[in-house]
PDB file of N, CA and C in Angstrom:
ATOM      1  N   UNK A   1     103.505 -32.243-118.110  1.00  0.00           N
ATOM      2  CA  UNK A   1     104.278 -31.940-117.289  1.00  0.00           C
ATOM      3  C   UNK A   1     102.625 -31.515-116.687  1.00  0.00           C
ATOM      4  N   UNK A   2     101.885 -30.378-117.037  1.00  0.00           N
ATOM      5  CA  UNK A   2     100.068 -29.822-116.766  1.00  0.00           C
ATOM      6  C   UNK A   2      99.407 -30.786-116.255  1.00  0.00           C
ATOM      7  N   UNK A   3      99.678 -32.229-117.445  1.00  0.00           N
ATOM      8  CA  UNK A   3      98.163 -33.432-117.728  1.00  0.00           C
ATOM      9  C   UNK A   3      98.587 -33.428-115.918  1.00  0.00           C
ATOM     10  N   UNK A   4      99.496 -33.650-115.178  1.00  0.00           N
ATOM     11  CA  UNK A   4      99.841 -34.456-114.645  1.00  0.00           C
ATOM     12  C   UNK A   4      98.429 -33.406-113.286  1.00  0.00           C
ATOM     13  N   UNK A   5      99.747 -32.295-113.479  1.00  0.00           N
ATOM     14  CA  UNK A   5      99.384 -31.606-112.369  1.00  0.00           C
ATOM     15  C   UNK A   5      97.637 -31.797-112.188  1.00  0.00           C
ATOM     16  N   UNK A   6      96.456 -31.348-113.676  1.00  0.00           N
ATOM     17  CA  UNK A   6      95.090 -31.452-113.698  1.00  0.00           C
ATOM     18  C   UNK A   6      94.971 -32.908-112.880  1.00  0.00           C
ATOM     19  N   UNK A   7      95.569 -33.769-113.580  1.00  0.00           N
ATOM     20  CA  UNK A   7      93.895 -35.319-112.926  1.00  0.00           C
ATOM     21  C   UNK A   7      94.575 -35.836-112.034  1.00  0.00           C
ATOM     22  N   UNK A   8      95.755 -34.531-110.804  1.00  0.00           N
ATOM     23  CA  UNK A   8      95.528 -35.746-109.686  1.00  0.00           C
ATOM     24  C   UNK A   8      94.407 -34.784-109.108  1.00  0.00           C
ATOM     25  N   UNK A   9      93.912 -33.804-108.886  1.00  0.00           N
ATOM     26  CA  UNK A   9      92.335 -33.581-108.018  1.00  0.00           C
ATOM     27  C   UNK A   9      91.405 -33.231-108.957  1.00  0.00           C
ATOM     28  N   UNK A  10      91.726 -34.410-110.252  1.00  0.00           N
ATOM     29  CA  UNK A  10      90.220 -34.641-110.422  1.00  0.00           C
ATOM     30  C   UNK A  10      90.024 -36.344-109.855  1.00  0.00           C
ATOM     31  N   UNK A  11      91.934 -36.861-110.052  1.00  0.00           N
ATOM     32  CA  UNK A  11      91.411 -38.489-109.278  1.00  0.00           C
ATOM     33  C   UNK A  11      91.015 -38.056-107.778  1.00  0.00           C
ATOM     34  N   UNK A  12      91.585 -37.035-106.757  1.00  0.00           N
ATOM     35  CA  UNK A  12      91.738 -37.022-105.267  1.00  0.00           C
ATOM     36  C   UNK A  12      89.954 -37.694-105.532  1.00  0.00           C
ATOM     37  N   UNK A  13      89.168 -36.195-106.187  1.00  0.00           N
ATOM     38  CA  UNK A  13      87.689 -35.747-106.244  1.00  0.00           C
ATOM     39  C   UNK A  13      86.285 -37.188-106.697  1.00  0.00           C
ATOM     40  N   UNK A  14      87.072 -37.474-107.781  1.00  0.00           N
ATOM     41  CA  UNK A  14      86.532 -39.109-107.740  1.00  0.00           C
ATOM     42  C   UNK A  14      87.248 -40.176-106.683  1.00  0.00           C
ATOM     43  N   UNK A  15      87.984 -40.506-106.312  1.00  0.00           N
ATOM     44  CA  UNK A  15      88.066 -40.875-105.204  1.00  0.00           C
ATOM     45  C   UNK A  15      87.099 -40.430-103.693  1.00  0.00           C
ATOM     46  N   UNK A  16      87.415 -39.666-103.010  1.00  0.00           N
ATOM     47  CA  UNK A  16      86.467 -38.857-102.778  1.00  0.00           C
ATOM     48  C   UNK A  16      84.446 -38.772-102.556  1.00  0.00           C
ATOM     49  N   UNK A  17      84.567 -38.655-103.857  1.00  0.00           N
ATOM     50  CA  UNK A  17      83.843 -39.578-104.071  1.00  0.00           C
ATOM     51  C   UNK A  17      82.555 -40.711-104.103  1.00  0.00           C
ATOM     52  N   UNK A  18      83.873 -41.455-104.845  1.00  0.00           N
ATOM     53  CA  UNK A  18      83.438 -42.887-104.029  1.00  0.00           C
ATOM     54  C   UNK A  18      83.453 -43.173-102.727  1.00  0.00           C
ATOM     55  N   UNK A  19      84.423 -42.641-102.282  1.00  0.00           N
ATOM     56  CA  UNK A  19      84.448 -42.793-101.060  1.00  0.00           C
ATOM     57  C   UNK A  19      82.801 -42.694-100.047  1.00  0.00           C
ATOM     58  N   UNK A  20      82.013 -40.873-100.568  1.00  0.00           N
ATOM     59  CA  UNK A  20      81.261 -40.625 -99.213  1.00  0.00           C
ATOM     60  C   UNK A  20      80.197 -41.353-100.484  1.00  0.00           C
ATOM     61  N   UNK A  21      79.987 -42.255-101.460  1.00  0.00           N
ATOM     62  CA  UNK A  21      79.031 -43.337-102.069  1.00  0.00           C
ATOM     63  C   UNK A  21      79.460 -44.560-101.013  1.00  0.00           C
ATOM     64  N   UNK A  22      80.397 -45.385-101.671  1.00  0.00           N
ATOM     65  CA  UNK A  22      80.297 -46.140 -99.609  1.00  0.00           C
ATOM     66  C   UNK A  22      79.607 -46.008 -98.922  1.00  0.00           C
ATOM     67  N   UNK A  23      79.840 -45.130 -98.578  1.00  0.00           N
ATOM     68  CA  UNK A  23      79.553 -44.727 -97.161  1.00  0.00           C
ATOM     69  C   UNK A  23      77.991 -44.937 -96.752  1.00  0.00           C
ATOM     70  N   UNK A  24      77.677 -44.130 -98.056  1.00  0.00           N
ATOM     71  CA  UNK A  24      76.083 -44.040 -98.199  1.00  0.00           C
ATOM     72  C   UNK A  24      75.853 -45.383 -98.574  1.00  0.00           C
ATOM     73  N   UNK A  25      75.977 -46.319 -99.511  1.00  0.00           N
ATOM     74  CA  UNK A  25      75.522 -47.066 -99.399  1.00  0.00           C
ATOM     75  C   UNK A  25      75.751 -47.876 -98.127  1.00  0.00           C
ATOM     76  N   UNK A  26      76.895 -48.565 -97.345  1.00  0.00           N
ATOM     77  CA  UNK A  26      76.761 -49.657 -96.765  1.00  0.00           C
ATOM     78  C   UNK A  26      76.742 -49.235 -95.295  1.00  0.00           C
ATOM     79  N   UNK A  27      76.497 -47.770 -95.327  1.00  0.00           N
ATOM     80  CA  UNK A  27      75.591 -47.576 -93.473  1.00  0.00           C
ATOM     81  C   UNK A  27      74.918 -46.867 -93.699  1.00  0.00           C
ATOM     82  N   UNK A  28      73.750 -47.405 -93.786  1.00  0.00           N
ATOM     83  CA  UNK A  28      72.725 -46.081 -94.215  1.00  0.00           C
ATOM     84  C   UNK A  28      71.687 -45.661 -92.917  1.00  0.00           C
ATOM     85  N   UNK A  29      72.209 -46.648 -91.904  1.00  0.00           N
ATOM     86  CA  UNK A  29      71.443 -46.667 -90.648  1.00  0.00           C
ATOM     87  C   UNK A  29      71.873 -45.520 -89.651  1.00  0.00           C
ATOM     88  N   UNK A  30      73.073 -45.244 -89.804  1.00  0.00           N
ATOM     89  CA  UNK A  30      73.651 -43.688 -89.921  1.00  0.00           C
ATOM     90  C   UNK A  30      72.685 -42.492 -88.612  1.00  0.00           C
ATOM     91  N   UNK A  31      72.707 -42.310 -87.177  1.00  0.00           N
ATOM     92  CA  UNK A  31      71.822 -41.639 -86.892  1.00  0.00           C
ATOM     93  C   UNK A  31      72.162 -40.146 -87.457  1.00  0.00           C
ATOM     94  N   UNK A  32      71.457 -39.119 -88.159  1.00  0.00           N
ATOM     95  CA  UNK A  32      70.993 -37.587 -88.400  1.00  0.00           C
ATOM     96  C   UNK A  32      71.367 -36.947 -87.852  1.00  0.00           C
ATOM     97  N   UNK A  33      72.265 -36.202 -86.672  1.00  0.00           N
ATOM     98  CA  UNK A  33      71.047 -34.858 -86.021  1.00  0.00           C
ATOM     99  C   UNK A  33      70.558 -34.321 -86.951  1.00  0.00           C
ATOM    100  N   UNK A  34      68.755 -34.246 -86.023  1.00  0.00           N
ATOM    101  CA  UNK A  34      67.665 -33.781 -86.024  1.00  0.00           C
ATOM    102  C   UNK A  34      67.186 -32.446 -85.999  1.00  0.00           C
ATOM    103  N   UNK A  35      67.637 -31.033 -87.160  1.00  0.00           N
ATOM    104  CA  UNK A  35      67.976 -29.732 -87.801  1.00  0.00           C
ATOM    105  C   UNK A  35      66.996 -29.269 -86.580  1.00  0.00           C
ATOM    106  N   UNK A  36      66.509 -29.643 -86.556  1.00  0.00           N
ATOM    107  CA  UNK A  36      65.440 -28.910 -85.480  1.00  0.00           C
ATOM    108  C   UNK A  36      64.876 -29.030 -84.000  1.00  0.00           C
ATOM    109  N   UNK A  37      65.594 -29.608 -83.446  1.00  0.00           N
ATOM    110  CA  UNK A  37      65.736 -30.557 -81.951  1.00  0.00           C
ATOM    111  C   UNK A  37      67.335 -30.625 -81.748  1.00  0.00           C
ATOM    112  N   UNK A  38      68.100 -30.240 -83.301  1.00  0.00           N
ATOM    113  CA  UNK A  38      69.462 -30.573 -82.397  1.00  0.00           C
ATOM    114  C   UNK A  38      70.187 -31.732 -81.205  1.00  0.00           C
ATOM    115  N   UNK A  39      68.763 -32.536 -81.507  1.00  0.00           N
ATOM    116  CA  UNK A  39      69.266 -34.072 -81.147  1.00  0.00           C
ATOM    117  C   UNK A  39      69.100 -35.287 -82.216  1.00  0.00           C
ATOM    118  N   UNK A  40      69.828 -36.068 -81.564  1.00  0.00           N
ATOM    119  CA  UNK A  40      69.469 -37.211 -82.857  1.00  0.00           C
ATOM    120  C   UNK A  40      68.238 -38.351 -82.782  1.00  0.00           C
ATOM    121  N   UNK A  41      68.305 -38.914 -83.713  1.00  0.00           N
ATOM    122  CA  UNK A  41      66.695 -38.853 -83.843  1.00  0.00           C
ATOM    123  C   UNK A  41      67.419 -40.559 -83.157  1.00  0.00           C
ATOM    124  N   UNK A  42      65.992 -40.235 -82.247  1.00  0.00           N
ATOM    125  CA  UNK A  42      65.554 -41.302 -80.726  1.00  0.00           C
ATOM    126  C   UNK A  42      65.163 -43.374 -81.448  1.00  0.00           C
ATOM    127  N   UNK A  43      65.987 -44.019 -80.780  1.00  0.00           N
ATOM    128  CA  UNK A  43      66.061 -44.888 -81.248  1.00  0.00           C
ATOM    129  C   UNK A  43      66.254 -46.124 -79.299  1.00  0.00           C
ATOM    130  N   UNK A  44      64.727 -46.739 -79.209  1.00  0.00           N
ATOM    131  CA  UNK A  44      65.590 -46.747 -78.115  1.00  0.00           C
ATOM    132  C   UNK A  44      66.807 -47.920 -78.219  1.00  0.00           C
ATOM    133  N   UNK A  45      66.745 -48.348 -76.844  1.00  0.00           N
ATOM    134  CA  UNK A  45      68.112 -49.381 -77.020  1.00  0.00           C
ATOM    135  C   UNK A  45      67.442 -50.922 -76.778  1.00  0.00           C
ATOM    136  N   UNK A  46      68.118 -52.097 -76.451  1.00  0.00           N
ATOM    137  CA  UNK A  46      68.404 -52.608 -75.464  1.00  0.00           C
ATOM    138  C   UNK A  46      67.606 -52.966 -74.135  1.00  0.00           C
ATOM    139  N   UNK A  47      68.035 -51.745 -72.994  1.00  0.00           N
ATOM    140  CA  UNK A  47      67.857 -51.180 -71.832  1.00  0.00           C
ATOM    141  C   UNK A  47      66.651 -50.979 -71.579  1.00  0.00           C
ATOM    142  N   UNK A  48      66.231 -50.297 -72.664  1.00  0.00           N
ATOM    143  CA  UNK A  48      64.955 -49.144 -72.828  1.00  0.00           C
ATOM    144  C   UNK A  48      64.101 -49.905 -72.838  1.00  0.00           C
ATOM    145  N   UNK A  49      64.178 -50.798 -73.240  1.00  0.00           N
ATOM    146  CA  UNK A  49      63.350 -52.086 -74.574  1.00  0.00           C
ATOM    147  C   UNK A  49      62.304 -53.546 -72.835  1.00  0.00           C
ATOM    148  N   UNK A  50      62.974 -52.602 -71.424  1.00  0.00           N
ATOM    149  CA  UNK A  50      63.141 -53.473 -70.874  1.00  0.00           C
ATOM    150  C   UNK A  50      62.182 -53.004 -69.755  1.00  0.00           C
ATOM    151  N   UNK A  51      61.222 -53.269 -68.876  1.00  0.00           N
ATOM    152  CA  UNK A  51      60.273 -52.988 -68.246  1.00  0.00           C
ATOM    153  C   UNK A  51      60.966 -52.447 -66.878  1.00  0.00           C
ATOM    154  N   UNK A  52      60.610 -51.148 -66.521  1.00  0.00           N
ATOM    155  CA  UNK A  52      60.815 -49.714 -65.178  1.00  0.00           C
ATOM    156  C   UNK A  52      60.929 -50.949 -64.100  1.00  0.00           C
ATOM    157  N   UNK A  53      59.658 -52.036 -63.955  1.00  0.00           N
ATOM    158  CA  UNK A  53      59.859 -52.875 -62.775  1.00  0.00           C
ATOM    159  C   UNK A  53      60.671 -54.284 -63.278  1.00  0.00           C
ATOM    160  N   UNK A  54      61.350 -54.771 -63.397  1.00  0.00           N
ATOM    161  CA  UNK A  54      62.368 -55.281 -64.125  1.00  0.00           C
ATOM    162  C   UNK A  54      64.091 -55.152 -64.429  1.00  0.00           C
ATOM    163  N   UNK A  55      64.601 -53.126 -64.354  1.00  0.00           N
ATOM    164  CA  UNK A  55      65.132 -53.304 -64.255  1.00  0.00           C
ATOM    165  C   UNK A  55      66.229 -53.990 -63.786  1.00  0.00           C
ATOM    166  N   UNK A  56      67.599 -53.993 -63.087  1.00  0.00           N
ATOM    167  CA  UNK A  56      68.755 -53.794 -62.306  1.00  0.00           C
ATOM    168  C   UNK A  56      69.413 -52.248 -62.725  1.00  0.00           C
ATOM    169  N   UNK A  57      70.448 -52.088 -61.494  1.00  0.00           N
ATOM    170  CA  UNK A  57      71.195 -50.893 -61.665  1.00  0.00           C
ATOM    171  C   UNK A  57      72.498 -50.629 -62.562  1.00  0.00           C
ATOM    172  N   UNK A  58      72.164 -52.071 -62.897  1.00  0.00           N
ATOM    173  CA  UNK A  58      73.687 -51.539 -64.099  1.00  0.00           C
ATOM    174  C   UNK A  58      72.660 -51.044 -65.597  1.00  0.00           C
ATOM    175  N   UNK A  59      70.919 -51.846 -65.247  1.00  0.00           N
ATOM    176  CA  UNK A  59      70.894 -51.263 -66.388  1.00  0.00           C
ATOM    177  C   UNK A  59      70.382 -49.674 -66.080  1.00  0.00           C
ATOM    178  N   UNK A  60      70.070 -49.337 -64.766  1.00  0.00           N
ATOM    179  CA  UNK A  60      69.200 -47.488 -65.051  1.00  0.00           C
ATOM    180  C   UNK A  60      70.948 -46.837 -64.343  1.00  0.00           C
ATOM    181  N   UNK A  61      71.724 -47.669 -65.277  1.00  0.00           N
ATOM    182  CA  UNK A  61      72.885 -46.287 -64.863  1.00  0.00           C
ATOM    183  C   UNK A  61      73.412 -46.955 -66.358  1.00  0.00           C
ATOM    184  N   UNK A  62      73.410 -47.471 -66.914  1.00  0.00           N
ATOM    185  CA  UNK A  62      73.163 -47.034 -68.732  1.00  0.00           C
ATOM    186  C   UNK A  62      71.680 -46.302 -69.804  1.00  0.00           C
ATOM    187  N   UNK A  63      71.470 -46.619 -68.919  1.00  0.00           N
ATOM    188  CA  UNK A  63      70.048 -45.333 -69.410  1.00  0.00           C
ATOM    189  C   UNK A  63      70.162 -43.954 -68.334  1.00  0.00           C
ATOM    190  N   UNK A  64      71.106 -43.710 -67.933  1.00  0.00           N
ATOM    191  CA  UNK A  64      72.147 -42.348 -67.596  1.00  0.00           C
ATOM    192  C   UNK A  64      72.648 -41.764 -67.978  1.00  0.00           C
ATOM    193  N   UNK A  65      73.711 -43.044 -68.148  1.00  0.00           N
ATOM    194  CA  UNK A  65      74.568 -42.573 -69.386  1.00  0.00           C
ATOM    195  C   UNK A  65      73.404 -41.974 -70.962  1.00  0.00           C
ATOM    196  N   UNK A  66      72.844 -42.815 -71.176  1.00  0.00           N
ATOM    197  CA  UNK A  66      72.245 -42.245 -72.330  1.00  0.00           C
ATOM    198  C   UNK A  66      71.444 -41.105 -71.614  1.00  0.00           C
ATOM    199  N   UNK A  67      70.692 -40.710 -71.374  1.00  0.00           N
ATOM    200  CA  UNK A  67      70.535 -39.292 -71.456  1.00  0.00           C
ATOM    201  C   UNK A  67      71.772 -38.576 -70.634  1.00  0.00           C
ATOM    202  N   UNK A  68      72.820 -39.038 -69.908  1.00  0.00           N
ATOM    203  CA  UNK A  68      73.465 -38.315 -70.742  1.00  0.00           C
ATOM    204  C   UNK A  68      74.555 -37.563 -71.472  1.00  0.00           C
ATOM    205  N   UNK A  69      73.762 -38.282 -72.437  1.00  0.00           N
ATOM    206  CA  UNK A  69      74.130 -37.716 -74.239  1.00  0.00           C
ATOM    207  C   UNK A  69      73.516 -36.724 -74.509  1.00  0.00           C
ATOM    208  N   UNK A  70      72.224 -37.583 -73.930  1.00  0.00           N
ATOM    209  CA  UNK A  70      71.037 -36.309 -74.662  1.00  0.00           C
ATOM    210  C   UNK A  70      71.790 -35.366 -74.714  1.00  0.00           C
ATOM    211  N   UNK A  71      71.827 -34.422 -73.164  1.00  0.00           N
ATOM    212  CA  UNK A  71      70.998 -33.663 -72.591  1.00  0.00           C
ATOM    213  C   UNK A  71      72.786 -32.771 -73.230  1.00  0.00           C
ATOM    214  N   UNK A  72      73.973 -33.623 -73.481  1.00  0.00           N
ATOM    215  CA  UNK A  72      75.052 -33.045 -73.708  1.00  0.00           C
ATOM    216  C   UNK A  72      76.050 -32.363 -72.549  1.00  0.00           C
ATOM    217  N   UNK A  73      75.755 -33.251 -71.432  1.00  0.00           N
ATOM    218  CA  UNK A  73      76.168 -32.946 -70.010  1.00  0.00           C
ATOM    219  C   UNK A  73      77.255 -33.656 -69.596  1.00  0.00           C
TER     220      UNK A  73
END
């Protein structure tokens, strides 16, 4: 009976390690918080790539929402 109780935690750790490895391999583009500033790494969204003179109201709404997320407000 003791062998079964020892195998369960080892199997659990193995499963957790496998899942972490799978996430690292298959999701490498996850934004990681920058410990220096406390904000996420900045990547331009498609809306931010639009020339400011060509932006529509919907584009400005999306830009405002993105800024609110950055400001955590």
